[in-house]
Protein backbone atom coordinates (compact mmCIF):
# COMPACT_ATOMS: atom_id res chain seq x y z
CA UNK A 1 132.91 75.91 81.93
CA UNK A 2 131.86 79.09 84.16
CA UNK A 3 128.41 78.79 82.91
CA UNK A 4 128.05 75.25 83.98
CA UNK A 5 129.17 76.18 87.44
CA UNK A 6 127.07 79.09 87.58
CA UNK A 7 124.08 77.03 86.54
CA UNK A 8 125.19 74.29 89.21
CA UNK A 9 125.17 77.06 91.89
CA UNK A 10 121.71 78.33 90.79
CA UNK A 11 120.43 74.81 91.10
CA UNK A 12 122.08 74.18 94.63
CA UNK A 13 120.47 77.79 95.89
CA UNK A 14 116.93 77.02 94.64
CA UNK A 15 117.09 73.61 96.14
CA UNK A 16 118.54 75.21 99.71
CA UNK A 17 115.37 77.89 99.24
CA UNK A 18 112.97 75.16 98.27
CA UNK A 19 113.92 73.26 101.47
CA UNK A 20 112.98 76.07 103.51
CA UNK A 21 109.87 76.61 101.71
CA UNK A 22 108.87 72.79 102.38
CA UNK A 23 110.19 72.55 105.87
CA UNK A 24 107.84 70.52 108.01
CA UNK A 25 107.81 69.75 112.16
CA UNK A 26 110.45 70.57 114.62
CA UNK A 27 113.14 69.66 112.22
CA UNK A 28 112.00 72.47 109.89
CA UNK A 29 112.53 75.14 112.44
CA UNK A 30 116.25 73.61 112.31
CA UNK A 31 116.06 74.28 108.59
CA UNK A 32 115.07 77.82 108.96
CA UNK A 33 117.72 78.20 111.47
CA UNK A 34 120.40 77.10 109.21
CA UNK A 35 119.13 79.07 106.21
CA UNK A 36 119.07 82.44 108.23
CA UNK A 37 122.42 81.64 109.54
CA UNK A 38 123.92 81.06 106.14
CA UNK A 39 122.07 83.91 104.27
CA UNK A 40 123.67 86.32 106.85
CA UNK A 41 127.10 85.75 105.31
CA UNK A 42 127.09 83.57 102.38
CA UNK A 43 123.98 83.24 100.54
CA UNK A 44 122.05 85.82 98.60
CA UNK A 45 118.67 84.54 98.96
CA UNK A 46 115.83 86.54 100.58
CA UNK A 47 115.23 86.11 104.14
CA UNK A 48 111.38 86.27 103.89
CA UNK A 49 111.24 82.71 102.64
CA UNK A 50 111.52 81.61 106.23
CA UNK A 51 107.72 82.91 106.47
CA UNK A 52 106.49 80.44 104.00
CA UNK A 53 106.27 77.18 106.43
CA UNK A 54 104.07 79.43 108.60
CA UNK A 55 101.80 80.14 105.99
CA UNK A 56 103.15 83.58 104.70
CA UNK A 57 104.64 85.00 101.60
CA UNK A 58 104.57 81.86 99.53
CA UNK A 59 100.44 81.60 99.31
CA UNK A 60 100.42 78.16 100.72
CA UNK A 61 99.33 76.70 104.09
CA UNK A 62 101.42 76.34 106.83
CA UNK A 63 103.47 73.22 106.18
CA UNK A 64 105.52 73.05 109.59
CA UNK A 65 102.39 71.43 111.24
CA UNK A 66 103.66 71.95 114.89
CA UNK A 67 99.88 72.16 116.02
CA UNK A 68 100.42 75.64 117.24
CA UNK A 69 98.12 78.83 116.59
CA UNK A 70 99.23 80.67 113.60
CA UNK A 71 100.40 83.90 115.61
CA UNK A 72 102.56 81.82 117.71
CA UNK A 73 103.95 79.67 114.89
CA UNK A 74 104.94 82.83 113.06
CA UNK A 75 106.39 84.13 116.28
CA UNK A 76 108.22 81.03 116.69
CA UNK A 77 109.78 81.21 113.19
CA UNK A 78 110.50 84.82 113.54
CA UNK A 79 112.55 84.24 116.60
CA UNK A 80 114.38 81.41 115.26
CA UNK A 81 115.34 83.00 111.95
CA UNK A 82 116.55 86.10 113.87
CA UNK A 83 118.81 84.03 116.21
CA UNK A 84 120.25 82.37 113.15
CA UNK A 85 120.80 85.44 111.41
CA UNK A 86 122.34 87.25 114.27
CA UNK A 87 124.74 84.36 114.80
CA UNK A 88 125.68 84.28 111.06
CA UNK A 89 126.11 87.99 111.12
CA UNK A 90 129.14 87.33 113.47
CA UNK A 91 130.60 85.46 110.99
CA UNK A 92 130.10 88.19 108.43
CA UNK A 93 131.67 90.75 110.74
CA UNK A 94 134.82 88.81 111.07
CA UNK A 95 135.28 88.06 107.60
CA UNK A 96 134.15 91.31 106.14
CA UNK A 97 136.13 93.41 108.96
CA UNK A 98 139.13 91.19 108.24
CA UNK A 99 138.85 91.25 104.36
CA UNK A 100 138.37 94.91 104.45
CA UNK A 101 141.46 95.49 106.64
CA UNK A 102 143.58 93.13 104.77
CA UNK A 103 146.39 95.27 102.77
CA UNK A 104 146.13 92.46 99.88
CA UNK A 105 142.49 93.15 99.45
CA UNK A 106 142.68 96.88 99.91
CA UNK A 107 145.48 97.43 97.60
CA UNK A 108 143.67 95.24 95.01
CA UNK A 109 140.65 97.33 95.38
CA UNK A 110 142.52 100.67 95.40
CA UNK A 111 144.14 99.46 92.16
CA UNK A 112 140.62 99.17 90.52
CA UNK A 113 139.90 102.53 91.79
CA UNK A 114 137.61 101.77 94.82
CA UNK A 115 138.89 102.31 98.19
CA UNK A 116 136.85 100.21 100.52
CA UNK A 117 137.85 101.78 103.97
CA UNK A 118 137.31 105.42 102.27
CA UNK A 119 133.76 104.41 100.97
CA UNK A 120 132.78 103.17 104.26
CA UNK A 121 133.81 105.96 105.78
CA UNK A 122 131.86 108.43 103.53
CA UNK A 123 128.58 106.12 103.29
CA UNK A 124 128.31 103.92 106.21
CA UNK A 125 130.28 105.89 109.13
CA UNK A 126 127.71 108.59 108.65
CA UNK A 127 124.79 105.96 109.03
CA UNK A 128 126.36 104.23 111.96
CA UNK A 129 127.51 107.69 113.84
CA UNK A 130 124.18 109.23 113.17
CA UNK A 131 121.95 106.39 114.60
CA UNK A 132 124.44 103.81 115.68
CA UNK A 133 123.39 100.01 115.83
CA UNK A 134 119.56 101.56 115.56
CA UNK A 135 120.39 103.03 112.05
CA UNK A 136 121.87 99.22 111.18
CA UNK A 137 118.74 97.54 112.49
CA UNK A 138 116.34 99.90 110.68
CA UNK A 139 118.48 99.39 107.37
CA UNK A 140 118.17 95.46 107.75
CA UNK A 141 114.29 95.90 108.31
CA UNK A 142 113.71 96.80 104.94
CA UNK A 143 112.02 93.90 103.33
CA UNK A 144 113.25 91.97 100.14
CA UNK A 145 116.64 93.81 100.25
CA UNK A 146 119.56 91.23 100.31
CA UNK A 147 121.07 91.11 104.14
CA UNK A 148 124.36 89.59 102.97
CA UNK A 149 125.03 92.91 101.08
CA UNK A 150 124.15 94.98 104.06
CA UNK A 151 125.76 92.85 106.69
CA UNK A 152 129.25 93.04 104.91
CA UNK A 153 128.86 96.66 104.17
CA UNK A 154 128.26 97.27 108.13
CA UNK A 155 131.17 94.81 108.88
CA UNK A 156 133.76 97.23 107.32
CA UNK A 157 133.37 99.43 109.93
CA UNK A 158 132.00 97.86 113.25
CA UNK A 159 133.91 95.28 115.50
CA UNK A 160 131.75 94.92 118.46
CA UNK A 161 130.12 91.53 117.83
CA UNK A 162 127.56 91.78 120.69
CA UNK A 163 126.04 94.76 119.24
CA UNK A 164 126.28 93.70 115.67
CA UNK A 165 124.20 90.50 116.55
CA UNK A 166 121.73 92.48 118.65
CA UNK A 167 121.13 95.01 115.81
CA UNK A 168 121.21 92.01 113.03
CA UNK A 169 118.51 90.10 115.27
CA UNK A 170 116.34 93.20 115.68
CA UNK A 171 116.48 93.93 111.99
CA UNK A 172 115.78 90.68 110.99
CA UNK A 173 112.72 90.27 113.40
CA UNK A 174 111.75 93.92 112.15
CA UNK A 175 111.82 93.00 108.63
CA UNK A 176 109.97 89.70 109.00
CA UNK A 177 107.38 91.62 111.13
CA UNK A 178 106.93 94.08 108.28
CA UNK A 179 106.78 91.55 105.67
CA UNK A 180 103.77 89.91 107.69
CA UNK A 181 102.22 93.31 108.14
CA UNK A 182 102.44 94.03 104.45
CA UNK A 183 100.57 90.73 103.92
CA UNK A 184 98.21 90.97 106.29
CA UNK A 185 97.08 94.39 105.14
CA UNK A 186 97.08 93.25 101.64
CA UNK A 187 95.00 90.30 102.78
CA UNK A 188 92.56 92.52 104.74
CA UNK A 189 92.25 94.87 101.57
CA UNK A 190 91.66 91.97 99.25
């Protein structure tokens, strides 16, 4: 039973990712926005997939077909994705902060030998105290690392929605810019 549920979930996740890869026209930007919104708090999928309709990462031509020059198209995709992810991060912050401070969740995790509040203090507080939201943005700029995990880790100790969303936006834009730069560099060398 569990394996069939997991199989169905993986099919759904691949279908969601496939919809982004095949996004076309102006509605395609809506698909990119919704995907980015969802990967911020619920979907453990790569955010770099949003570059596929702009002709990056997937090794195919741009499918968005908006009639815009390549760099402008990539810029629009990056901004739309960043806005979607930053809005989704607000939900991750609300859910993560609430769950990490829920006595039921904390007690259950402590019984398993894990104290989420203590863990966040020893690991994430140092990063945020040292670098603040800039550290969060830099951490989210690492390509091909799951956003959902990072956002929930930061949500345990943070509660400023505006700064959290702005740092997520900056990290998302940074990640996609780094990905494009890496791809351009590889193509230039090849």
